[in-house]
Protein backbone atom coordinates (compact mmCIF):
# COMPACT_ATOMS: atom_id res chain seq x y z
CA UNK A 1 4.90 -23.81 -9.82
CA UNK A 2 1.57 -24.25 -8.04
CA UNK A 3 -1.81 -25.78 -8.89
CA UNK A 4 -4.74 -23.83 -10.31
CA UNK A 5 -6.67 -24.55 -7.12
CA UNK A 6 -3.88 -23.02 -5.02
CA UNK A 7 -3.58 -20.01 -7.34
CA UNK A 8 -7.30 -19.36 -6.94
CA UNK A 9 -7.00 -19.71 -3.17
CA UNK A 10 -4.24 -17.09 -3.05
CA UNK A 11 -5.86 -14.54 -5.36
CA UNK A 12 -9.66 -14.62 -5.08
CA UNK A 13 -11.01 -12.17 -2.51
CA UNK A 14 -14.79 -12.41 -2.57
CA UNK A 15 -16.61 -12.84 0.77
CA UNK A 16 -17.07 -16.57 0.11
CA UNK A 17 -13.36 -17.17 -0.63
CA UNK A 18 -10.71 -18.09 1.94
CA UNK A 19 -8.42 -15.19 0.97
CA UNK A 20 -11.32 -12.73 0.96
CA UNK A 21 -12.42 -13.88 4.40
CA UNK A 22 -8.85 -13.47 5.67
CA UNK A 23 -8.31 -9.98 4.24
CA UNK A 24 -11.58 -8.87 5.83
CA UNK A 25 -9.92 -9.44 9.22
CA UNK A 26 -7.61 -6.43 8.62
CA UNK A 27 -8.07 -2.70 8.09
CA UNK A 28 -8.12 -1.92 4.37
CA UNK A 29 -7.24 1.44 2.77
CA UNK A 30 -10.37 2.67 1.00
CA UNK A 31 -9.60 6.29 0.02
CA UNK A 32 -7.17 9.13 0.51
CA UNK A 33 -8.06 11.87 2.96
CA UNK A 34 -7.70 14.22 -0.02
CA UNK A 35 -10.71 12.55 -1.61
CA UNK A 36 -12.89 13.68 1.29
CA UNK A 37 -11.95 17.35 1.19
CA UNK A 38 -13.70 20.36 -0.27
CA UNK A 39 -17.33 21.44 -0.33
CA UNK A 40 -18.67 17.92 -0.85
CA UNK A 41 -16.61 15.37 1.10
CA UNK A 42 -18.26 12.29 -0.41
CA UNK A 43 -16.57 9.63 -2.53
CA UNK A 44 -17.24 6.16 -3.82
CA UNK A 45 -14.91 3.25 -3.18
CA UNK A 46 -14.80 -0.45 -3.94
CA UNK A 47 -12.75 -2.73 -1.70
CA UNK A 48 -12.65 -6.52 -1.98
CA UNK A 49 -15.52 -6.30 -4.45
CA UNK A 50 -17.78 -4.40 -2.03
CA UNK A 51 -19.21 -1.07 -3.18
CA UNK A 52 -18.95 1.65 -0.51
CA UNK A 53 -19.67 5.34 -0.11
CA UNK A 54 -17.41 7.30 2.23
CA UNK A 55 -18.35 10.72 3.61
CA UNK A 56 -17.85 13.27 6.35
CA UNK A 57 -20.95 14.74 7.93
CA UNK A 58 -21.28 18.43 8.79
CA UNK A 59 -19.42 17.86 12.06
CA UNK A 60 -16.52 16.13 10.33
CA UNK A 61 -17.37 12.60 11.43
CA UNK A 62 -16.40 9.86 8.98
CA UNK A 63 -18.81 7.24 7.67
CA UNK A 64 -18.47 4.20 5.42
CA UNK A 65 -21.78 2.82 4.14
CA UNK A 66 -22.93 0.17 1.71
CA UNK A 67 -23.28 2.19 -1.49
CA UNK A 68 -26.75 1.03 -2.55
CA UNK A 69 -29.61 2.56 -0.56
CA UNK A 70 -31.56 0.18 1.67
CA UNK A 71 -34.82 1.48 0.16
CA UNK A 72 -34.55 0.52 -3.52
CA UNK A 73 -30.87 0.31 -4.25
CA UNK A 74 -30.03 3.75 -5.67
CA UNK A 75 -26.39 4.85 -5.56
CA UNK A 76 -25.69 6.81 -2.37
CA UNK A 77 -22.43 8.20 -3.71
CA UNK A 78 -24.67 10.78 -5.43
CA UNK A 79 -26.30 11.59 -2.09
CA UNK A 80 -26.83 15.01 -0.54
CA UNK A 81 -24.70 15.68 2.55
CA UNK A 82 -27.15 17.48 4.82
CA UNK A 83 -29.11 17.35 8.07
CA UNK A 84 -26.58 15.20 9.93
CA UNK A 85 -25.98 12.55 7.30
CA UNK A 86 -26.17 11.49 3.66
CA UNK A 87 -29.55 11.77 1.97
CA UNK A 88 -30.53 9.59 -1.01
CA UNK A 89 -31.79 11.82 -3.87
CA UNK A 90 -34.31 9.14 -4.96
CA UNK A 91 -36.80 9.43 -2.06
CA UNK A 92 -34.93 11.52 0.51
CA UNK A 93 -34.04 8.76 2.94
CA UNK A 94 -31.35 10.07 5.29
CA UNK A 95 -28.57 7.99 6.90
CA UNK A 96 -25.98 9.02 9.48
CA UNK A 97 -22.37 7.80 9.62
CA UNK A 98 -23.39 4.73 11.62
CA UNK A 99 -26.00 3.72 9.03
CA UNK A 100 -28.94 4.72 11.20
CA UNK A 101 -31.89 5.93 9.15
CA UNK A 102 -32.88 9.40 10.39
CA UNK A 103 -35.72 10.20 8.00
CA UNK A 104 -37.99 8.59 5.39
CA UNK A 105 -39.75 11.86 4.45
CA UNK A 106 -42.12 10.55 1.78
CA UNK A 107 -43.53 7.82 4.03
CA UNK A 108 -46.75 8.49 5.98
CA UNK A 109 -45.42 6.44 8.92
CA UNK A 110 -42.83 8.62 10.65
CA UNK A 111 -41.67 5.62 12.65
CA UNK A 112 -40.59 3.63 9.60
CA UNK A 113 -37.09 5.08 9.72
CA UNK A 114 -36.52 3.52 13.16
CA UNK A 115 -36.75 0.08 11.56
CA UNK A 116 -34.26 0.77 8.74
CA UNK A 117 -30.50 0.34 8.88
CA UNK A 118 -28.02 0.95 6.09
CA UNK A 119 -25.04 -1.41 6.34
CA UNK A 120 -22.10 0.54 7.78
CA UNK A 121 -18.48 -0.33 8.48
CA UNK A 122 -15.89 0.83 11.03
CA UNK A 123 -13.69 3.56 9.64
CA UNK A 124 -10.58 5.40 10.78
CA UNK A 125 -8.21 8.00 9.33
CA UNK A 126 -4.45 7.71 9.70
CA UNK A 127 -1.65 9.62 7.98
CA UNK A 128 -3.73 10.72 5.00
CA UNK A 129 -5.54 7.42 4.35
CA UNK A 130 -9.11 6.40 5.18
CA UNK A 131 -9.21 2.77 6.36
CA UNK A 132 -12.31 0.58 6.57
CA UNK A 133 -12.91 -2.73 8.31
CA UNK A 134 -15.15 -5.12 6.39
CA UNK A 135 -15.00 -8.09 8.74
CA UNK A 136 -17.20 -9.25 11.59
CA UNK A 137 -16.60 -8.42 15.23
CA UNK A 138 -14.17 -5.90 16.65
CA UNK A 139 -11.49 -4.67 14.26
CA UNK A 140 -7.83 -5.19 15.17
CA UNK A 141 -5.43 -2.43 16.16
CA UNK A 142 -3.03 -0.96 13.63
CA UNK A 143 0.62 -1.37 14.64
CA UNK A 144 2.55 1.71 15.78
CA UNK A 145 4.60 1.97 12.62
CA UNK A 146 6.72 5.04 11.89
CA UNK A 147 4.24 6.08 9.19
CA UNK A 148 1.48 6.23 11.83
CA UNK A 149 3.59 7.75 14.62
CA UNK A 150 5.02 10.60 12.52
CA UNK A 151 2.98 13.84 12.51
CA UNK A 152 1.03 15.10 9.52
CA UNK A 153 3.90 17.42 8.55
CA UNK A 154 6.16 14.40 7.97
CA UNK A 155 3.81 12.09 6.04
CA UNK A 156 2.37 12.22 2.54
CA UNK A 157 -0.19 9.77 1.11
CA UNK A 158 -0.99 8.93 -2.49
CA UNK A 159 -2.45 6.04 -4.49
CA UNK A 160 -2.57 4.61 -7.99
CA UNK A 161 -4.73 2.21 -9.96
CA UNK A 162 -3.31 -1.07 -11.33
CA UNK A 163 -5.25 -3.16 -13.82
CA UNK A 164 -4.54 -6.64 -12.43
CA UNK A 165 -4.95 -8.87 -9.38
CA UNK A 166 -3.68 -7.54 -6.05
CA UNK A 167 -1.23 -10.36 -5.32
CA UNK A 168 0.99 -9.99 -8.39
CA UNK A 169 0.99 -6.23 -7.82
CA UNK A 170 2.22 -6.80 -4.26
CA UNK A 171 4.77 -9.43 -5.21
CA UNK A 172 6.84 -7.07 -7.35
CA UNK A 173 7.67 -5.20 -4.12
CA UNK A 174 8.89 -8.41 -2.48
CA UNK A 175 11.39 -9.09 -5.26
CA UNK A 176 14.77 -7.36 -4.76
CA UNK A 177 16.35 -8.81 -7.92
CA UNK A 178 14.05 -7.19 -10.48
CA UNK A 179 15.27 -3.66 -9.75
CA UNK A 180 18.63 -4.31 -11.45
CA UNK A 181 16.83 -4.94 -14.73
CA UNK A 182 13.34 -3.44 -14.76
CA UNK A 183 14.57 -0.16 -13.21
CA UNK A 184 17.98 0.02 -14.91
CA UNK A 185 19.11 3.38 -16.23
CA UNK A 186 22.14 3.58 -18.53
CA UNK A 187 23.14 6.98 -17.14
CA UNK A 188 23.00 8.33 -13.60
CA UNK A 189 21.00 11.48 -12.94
CA UNK A 190 22.09 14.16 -10.49
CA UNK A 191 21.34 12.82 -7.00
CA UNK A 192 20.59 16.38 -5.91
CA UNK A 193 17.42 16.09 -8.00
CA UNK A 194 16.28 12.85 -6.32
CA UNK A 195 13.70 14.24 -3.87
CA UNK A 196 10.61 12.04 -3.81
CA UNK A 197 11.99 9.64 -6.46
CA UNK A 198 12.71 5.95 -5.94
CA UNK A 199 16.20 4.59 -6.77
CA UNK A 200 17.57 8.03 -7.72
CA UNK A 201 19.32 9.08 -4.51
CA UNK A 202 22.80 8.14 -3.30
CA UNK A 203 23.05 5.29 -0.84
CA UNK A 204 23.86 6.01 2.80
CA UNK A 205 27.58 6.01 3.57
CA UNK A 206 28.50 6.75 -0.04
CA UNK A 207 28.02 9.16 -2.93
CA UNK A 208 27.28 6.25 -5.28
CA UNK A 209 23.80 6.66 -6.80
CA UNK A 210 21.46 3.73 -6.41
CA UNK A 211 21.04 3.59 -10.19
CA UNK A 212 24.72 2.67 -10.55
CA UNK A 213 24.50 0.06 -7.79
CA UNK A 214 21.57 -1.65 -9.49
CA UNK A 215 23.15 -1.49 -12.94
CA UNK A 216 26.63 -2.74 -12.05
CA UNK A 217 25.75 -5.30 -9.37
CA UNK A 218 22.72 -7.22 -10.68
CA UNK A 219 23.04 -10.45 -8.66
CA UNK A 220 22.11 -9.80 -5.01
CA UNK A 221 22.48 -12.31 -2.21
CA UNK A 222 18.93 -12.35 -0.82
CA UNK A 223 18.02 -13.29 2.75
CA UNK A 224 14.51 -13.66 4.18
CA UNK A 225 13.80 -13.73 7.91
CA UNK A 226 10.51 -14.15 9.76
CA UNK A 227 9.59 -11.24 12.04
CA UNK A 228 6.80 -10.29 14.40
CA UNK A 229 5.12 -8.34 11.54
CA UNK A 230 5.88 -10.53 8.53
CA UNK A 231 9.22 -10.81 6.74
CA UNK A 232 12.48 -8.89 6.64
CA UNK A 233 14.16 -9.06 3.24
CA UNK A 234 17.89 -8.35 2.90
CA UNK A 235 19.61 -7.88 -0.46
CA UNK A 236 23.42 -7.71 -0.41
CA UNK A 237 25.33 -6.50 -3.47
CA UNK A 238 29.06 -6.88 -2.92
CA UNK A 239 30.87 -3.82 -4.30
CA UNK A 240 34.40 -5.12 -3.61
CA UNK A 241 36.30 -6.91 -0.86
CA UNK A 242 35.80 -4.02 1.56
CA UNK A 243 32.30 -2.74 0.84
CA UNK A 244 28.81 -4.15 0.28
CA UNK A 245 25.58 -2.47 -0.64
CA UNK A 246 22.90 -3.37 1.92
CA UNK A 247 19.20 -2.96 1.22
CA UNK A 248 16.73 -4.00 3.90
CA UNK A 249 13.00 -3.99 3.11
CA UNK A 250 10.00 -5.51 4.87
CA UNK A 251 6.78 -7.35 4.09
CA UNK A 252 4.06 -6.15 6.46
CA UNK A 253 1.49 -8.94 6.57
CA UNK A 254 -0.87 -9.42 4.88
CA UNK A 255 -0.51 -7.01 1.94
CA UNK A 256 1.97 -4.20 2.47
CA UNK A 257 5.67 -3.57 2.31
CA UNK A 258 7.99 -0.99 3.87
CA UNK A 259 11.01 0.14 1.84
CA UNK A 260 13.55 2.99 1.84
CA UNK A 261 13.01 5.82 -0.64
CA UNK A 262 16.14 7.71 0.36
CA UNK A 263 18.35 8.25 3.40
CA UNK A 264 15.63 10.46 4.89
CA UNK A 265 12.37 8.91 3.69
CA UNK A 266 10.57 5.54 3.66
CA UNK A 267 7.51 4.20 1.83
CA UNK A 268 4.82 2.05 3.42
CA UNK A 269 2.67 0.67 0.61
CA UNK A 270 -0.49 -1.46 0.62
CA UNK A 271 -1.96 -3.31 -2.36
CA UNK A 272 -5.73 -3.38 -1.97
CA UNK A 273 -8.08 -5.44 -4.16
CA UNK A 274 -10.81 -3.43 -5.88
CA UNK A 275 -12.01 -6.79 -7.16
CA UNK A 276 -10.11 -9.86 -8.35
CA UNK A 277 -8.98 -8.12 -11.55
CA UNK A 278 -7.80 -4.69 -10.38
CA UNK A 279 -6.33 -3.02 -7.33
CA UNK A 280 -5.02 0.22 -5.88
CA UNK A 281 -1.67 0.79 -4.29
CA UNK A 282 -1.80 3.15 -1.32
CA UNK A 283 1.47 4.61 -0.08
CA UNK A 284 2.49 6.67 2.93
CA UNK A 285 5.81 8.47 2.49
CA UNK A 286 7.41 9.14 5.88
CA UNK A 287 10.07 11.83 6.41
CA UNK A 288 12.60 11.61 9.24
CA UNK A 289 14.21 15.07 9.15
CA UNK A 290 12.60 18.00 7.43
CA UNK A 291 8.89 18.48 6.87
CA UNK A 292 7.82 16.93 3.58
CA UNK A 293 7.18 19.10 0.54
CA UNK A 294 3.74 17.64 -0.09
CA UNK A 295 2.96 20.04 -2.91
CA UNK A 296 6.01 18.94 -4.88
CA UNK A 297 5.43 15.24 -4.17
CA UNK A 298 1.82 15.50 -5.29
CA UNK A 299 2.81 17.37 -8.47
CA UNK A 300 5.42 14.70 -9.23
CA UNK A 301 2.84 11.93 -9.03
CA UNK A 302 0.12 13.77 -10.89
CA UNK A 303 2.47 13.84 -13.88
CA UNK A 304 1.66 10.13 -14.16
CA UNK A 305 -1.78 9.76 -12.54
CA UNK A 306 -5.02 11.57 -13.31
CA UNK A 307 -7.93 12.49 -11.07
CA UNK A 308 -10.51 11.65 -9.91
CA UNK A 309 -9.74 7.91 -10.07
CA UNK A 310 -5.94 8.04 -9.83
CA UNK A 311 -5.59 6.03 -13.01
CA UNK A 312 -2.23 6.11 -14.79
CA UNK A 313 -1.84 8.19 -17.92
CA UNK A 314 0.06 5.37 -19.61
CA UNK A 315 -0.85 1.70 -19.81
CA UNK A 316 -1.87 -1.05 -22.19
CA UNK A 317 -3.83 1.49 -24.21
CA UNK A 318 -0.63 3.27 -25.30
CA UNK A 319 1.99 0.53 -24.84
CA UNK A 320 3.15 2.11 -21.56
CA UNK A 321 4.87 4.86 -23.54
CA UNK A 322 7.33 2.36 -25.01
CA UNK A 323 10.09 3.93 -27.13
CA UNK A 324 12.54 1.57 -28.94
CA UNK A 325 15.23 4.25 -29.15
CA UNK A 326 15.00 4.88 -25.43
CA UNK A 327 15.26 1.13 -24.74
CA UNK A 328 18.43 0.96 -26.81
CA UNK A 329 20.14 4.00 -25.32
CA UNK A 330 18.60 5.18 -22.03
CA UNK A 331 16.51 2.73 -20.01
CA UNK A 332 16.22 -1.03 -19.89
CA UNK A 333 12.46 -0.98 -20.56
CA UNK A 334 12.14 1.99 -22.91
CA UNK A 335 9.19 3.10 -20.79
CA UNK A 336 10.39 6.35 -19.29
CA UNK A 337 12.01 7.30 -16.02
CA UNK A 338 9.16 6.61 -13.58
CA UNK A 339 9.55 3.19 -11.95
CA UNK A 340 5.80 3.01 -11.28
CA UNK A 341 5.30 2.59 -15.04
CA UNK A 342 7.89 -0.19 -15.13
CA UNK A 343 6.18 -2.03 -12.27
CA UNK A 344 2.76 -1.47 -13.82
CA UNK A 345 3.87 -3.04 -17.10
CA UNK A 346 5.51 -5.98 -15.33
CA UNK A 347 2.45 -6.96 -13.32
CA UNK A 348 -0.27 -6.06 -15.83
CA UNK A 349 1.50 -7.95 -18.61
CA UNK A 350 1.15 -11.14 -16.54
CA UNK A 351 -2.59 -11.03 -17.18
CA UNK A 352 -5.58 -10.06 -15.07
CA UNK A 353 -4.70 -12.90 -12.68
CA UNK A 354 -1.23 -14.36 -13.13
CA UNK A 355 -1.26 -18.04 -14.10
CA UNK A 356 1.15 -19.31 -11.48
CA UNK A 357 0.76 -22.89 -12.74
CA UNK A 358 3.18 -21.88 -15.52
CA UNK A 359 5.83 -20.02 -13.50
CA UNK A 360 9.30 -21.29 -12.60
CA UNK A 361 10.44 -19.51 -9.41
CA UNK A 362 14.14 -19.11 -8.70
CA UNK A 363 16.19 -18.46 -5.56
CA UNK A 364 15.59 -14.72 -5.94
CA UNK A 365 11.87 -15.39 -5.33
CA UNK A 366 12.42 -16.51 -1.75
CA UNK A 367 10.43 -13.67 -0.20
CA UNK A 368 7.50 -14.19 -2.58
CA UNK A 369 7.36 -17.89 -1.72
CA UNK A 370 7.62 -17.15 2.00
CA UNK A 371 4.76 -14.63 1.78
CA UNK A 372 2.55 -17.12 -0.05
CA UNK A 373 3.18 -19.67 2.70
CA UNK A 374 2.24 -17.08 5.34
CA UNK A 375 -0.97 -16.28 3.46
CA UNK A 376 -1.96 -19.92 3.19
CA UNK A 377 -1.18 -20.57 6.85
CA UNK A 378 -3.24 -17.56 7.95
CA UNK A 379 -6.17 -18.69 5.80
CA UNK A 380 -6.15 -22.09 7.50
CA UNK A 381 -6.03 -20.46 10.94
CA UNK A 382 -8.94 -18.21 10.04
CA UNK A 383 -10.97 -21.12 8.67
CA UNK A 384 -10.38 -23.02 11.91
CA UNK A 385 -11.68 -20.15 14.01
CA UNK A 386 -8.24 -19.09 15.25
CA UNK A 387 -6.90 -15.55 15.29
CA UNK A 388 -4.74 -15.08 12.18
CA UNK A 389 -1.25 -13.61 12.17
CA UNK A 390 -1.12 -9.81 12.61
CA UNK A 391 -4.70 -9.48 13.85
CA UNK A 392 -3.44 -7.47 16.81
CA UNK A 393 -4.71 -6.34 20.19
CA UNK A 394 -3.61 -2.99 21.59
CA UNK A 395 -0.55 -4.30 23.43
CA UNK A 396 0.64 -6.32 20.44
CA UNK A 397 0.16 -3.37 18.10
CA UNK A 398 2.13 -1.06 20.39
CA UNK A 399 5.08 -3.47 20.37
CA UNK A 400 5.49 -3.38 16.58
CA UNK A 401 7.55 -0.35 15.59
CA UNK A 402 9.53 0.80 12.59
CA UNK A 403 10.12 -1.45 10.81
CA UNK A 404 13.69 -0.58 10.02
CA UNK A 405 14.81 -0.14 6.41
CA UNK A 406 18.26 0.45 4.95
CA UNK A 407 19.77 1.52 1.64
CA UNK A 408 23.49 1.98 2.19
CA UNK A 409 27.04 0.96 1.40
CA UNK A 410 28.96 -0.31 4.40
CA UNK A 411 31.72 -2.74 5.35
CA UNK A 412 31.45 -6.23 3.90
CA UNK A 413 32.46 -7.59 7.28
CA UNK A 414 30.00 -6.37 9.87
CA UNK A 415 27.30 -5.09 7.52
CA UNK A 416 24.66 -6.08 10.10
CA UNK A 417 25.94 -3.50 12.59
CA UNK A 418 26.18 -0.92 9.83
CA UNK A 419 22.55 -1.52 8.84
CA UNK A 420 21.31 -1.17 12.43
CA UNK A 421 23.30 2.03 12.87
CA UNK A 422 21.99 3.65 9.65
CA UNK A 423 18.40 2.97 10.64
CA UNK A 424 18.86 3.97 14.28
CA UNK A 425 20.51 7.29 13.40
CA UNK A 426 17.77 8.14 10.92
CA UNK A 427 14.92 7.39 13.34
CA UNK A 428 16.55 9.05 16.34
CA UNK A 429 17.26 12.12 14.26
CA UNK A 430 13.56 12.63 13.56
CA UNK A 431 12.08 15.61 15.43
CA UNK A 432 8.99 13.51 16.18
CA UNK A 433 10.95 10.59 17.67
CA UNK A 434 10.19 9.89 21.33
CA UNK A 435 12.77 7.64 23.00
CA UNK A 436 10.45 6.87 25.91
CA UNK A 437 7.77 5.65 23.51
CA UNK A 438 10.05 3.34 21.51
CA UNK A 439 9.91 -0.37 22.19
CA UNK A 440 13.30 -1.83 23.20
């Protein structure tokens, strides 16, 4: 249980708030590359409460601008992409990707445009996601994670809207215990039909489906270790005297996690504040063997999410699809087979901003508590003018690889070696893996 003051400090992300100032020191996902495709590659975005317009100019260069025109505040997301930039339809003012004003065509003084600047932000594109940097000074370097090292053929990006504060949305991914209840299925589906689906495949080293593991072994022994990138979270579910299920996931500071999807795929997922009351999750799925079937994975997710805003098709407005018969006979929640719906209900039902003054954390919440401590420590460092944790230079970013994840059943004695071997064999089996480029 924490104070209201501390809860506000952890959750509020405006530019005048400690958490908002901290998060502005990191690259933030702002859109999918897919949203800047087609005849008009222009889209609106809101990150940390700031309204942006993202676009590609005719030469393919990316820009991220303050959305309201510097002239009289019209919405540039309705702008015309032409003549080397984005032109405001109100009076024709034209801005390039750097925010430089190229033309003010209705003004008699042709030199006026040289005095005008639209606020712009650094932008980069990696593995299907457009990132923006909203802080001051030089942006940090992104670490050389597997999801950024793998080629386009082996990564797939998607996102989804969640109607609550970013922190509670993130914290569900730092909680290994909830999966045995929230994502419990009373029957096991065919693991051959598990492609692209969380908790449906068989665990490495076994033909036991993950659904059975979660259902029959609901009390994991959870370990949390500090790492160079955040936290490593280990959940051990003892099957019998000889074998233990090992699941290793990671918290990538400040607001992402890296988890296994299957023996051949991982998920790197960020939770990005739109404002203090809603957020998007952005995920990069990374394949380690075959090229990903992006068409299938996109179709799977569009069964639940609708364009153009990637909002879920179920939610509070229809009770998350709740079916009492299903809850009695098929799933623990009665909310269908997609775990994203389960997570959405869990975090949205806590309220727009969870009231942590009323919670009673248990031992299974160790990773959540550790992440909160990291956040608070980084805020203090930032307030004192120090460089916060994971604001990386090039050398530091190059040294952070992986991070390794595991979902497998191995020997109860020596599970650590088993976990390292499962991850090493997966990564080294990837056609894009370069031994000479891997940190020791």
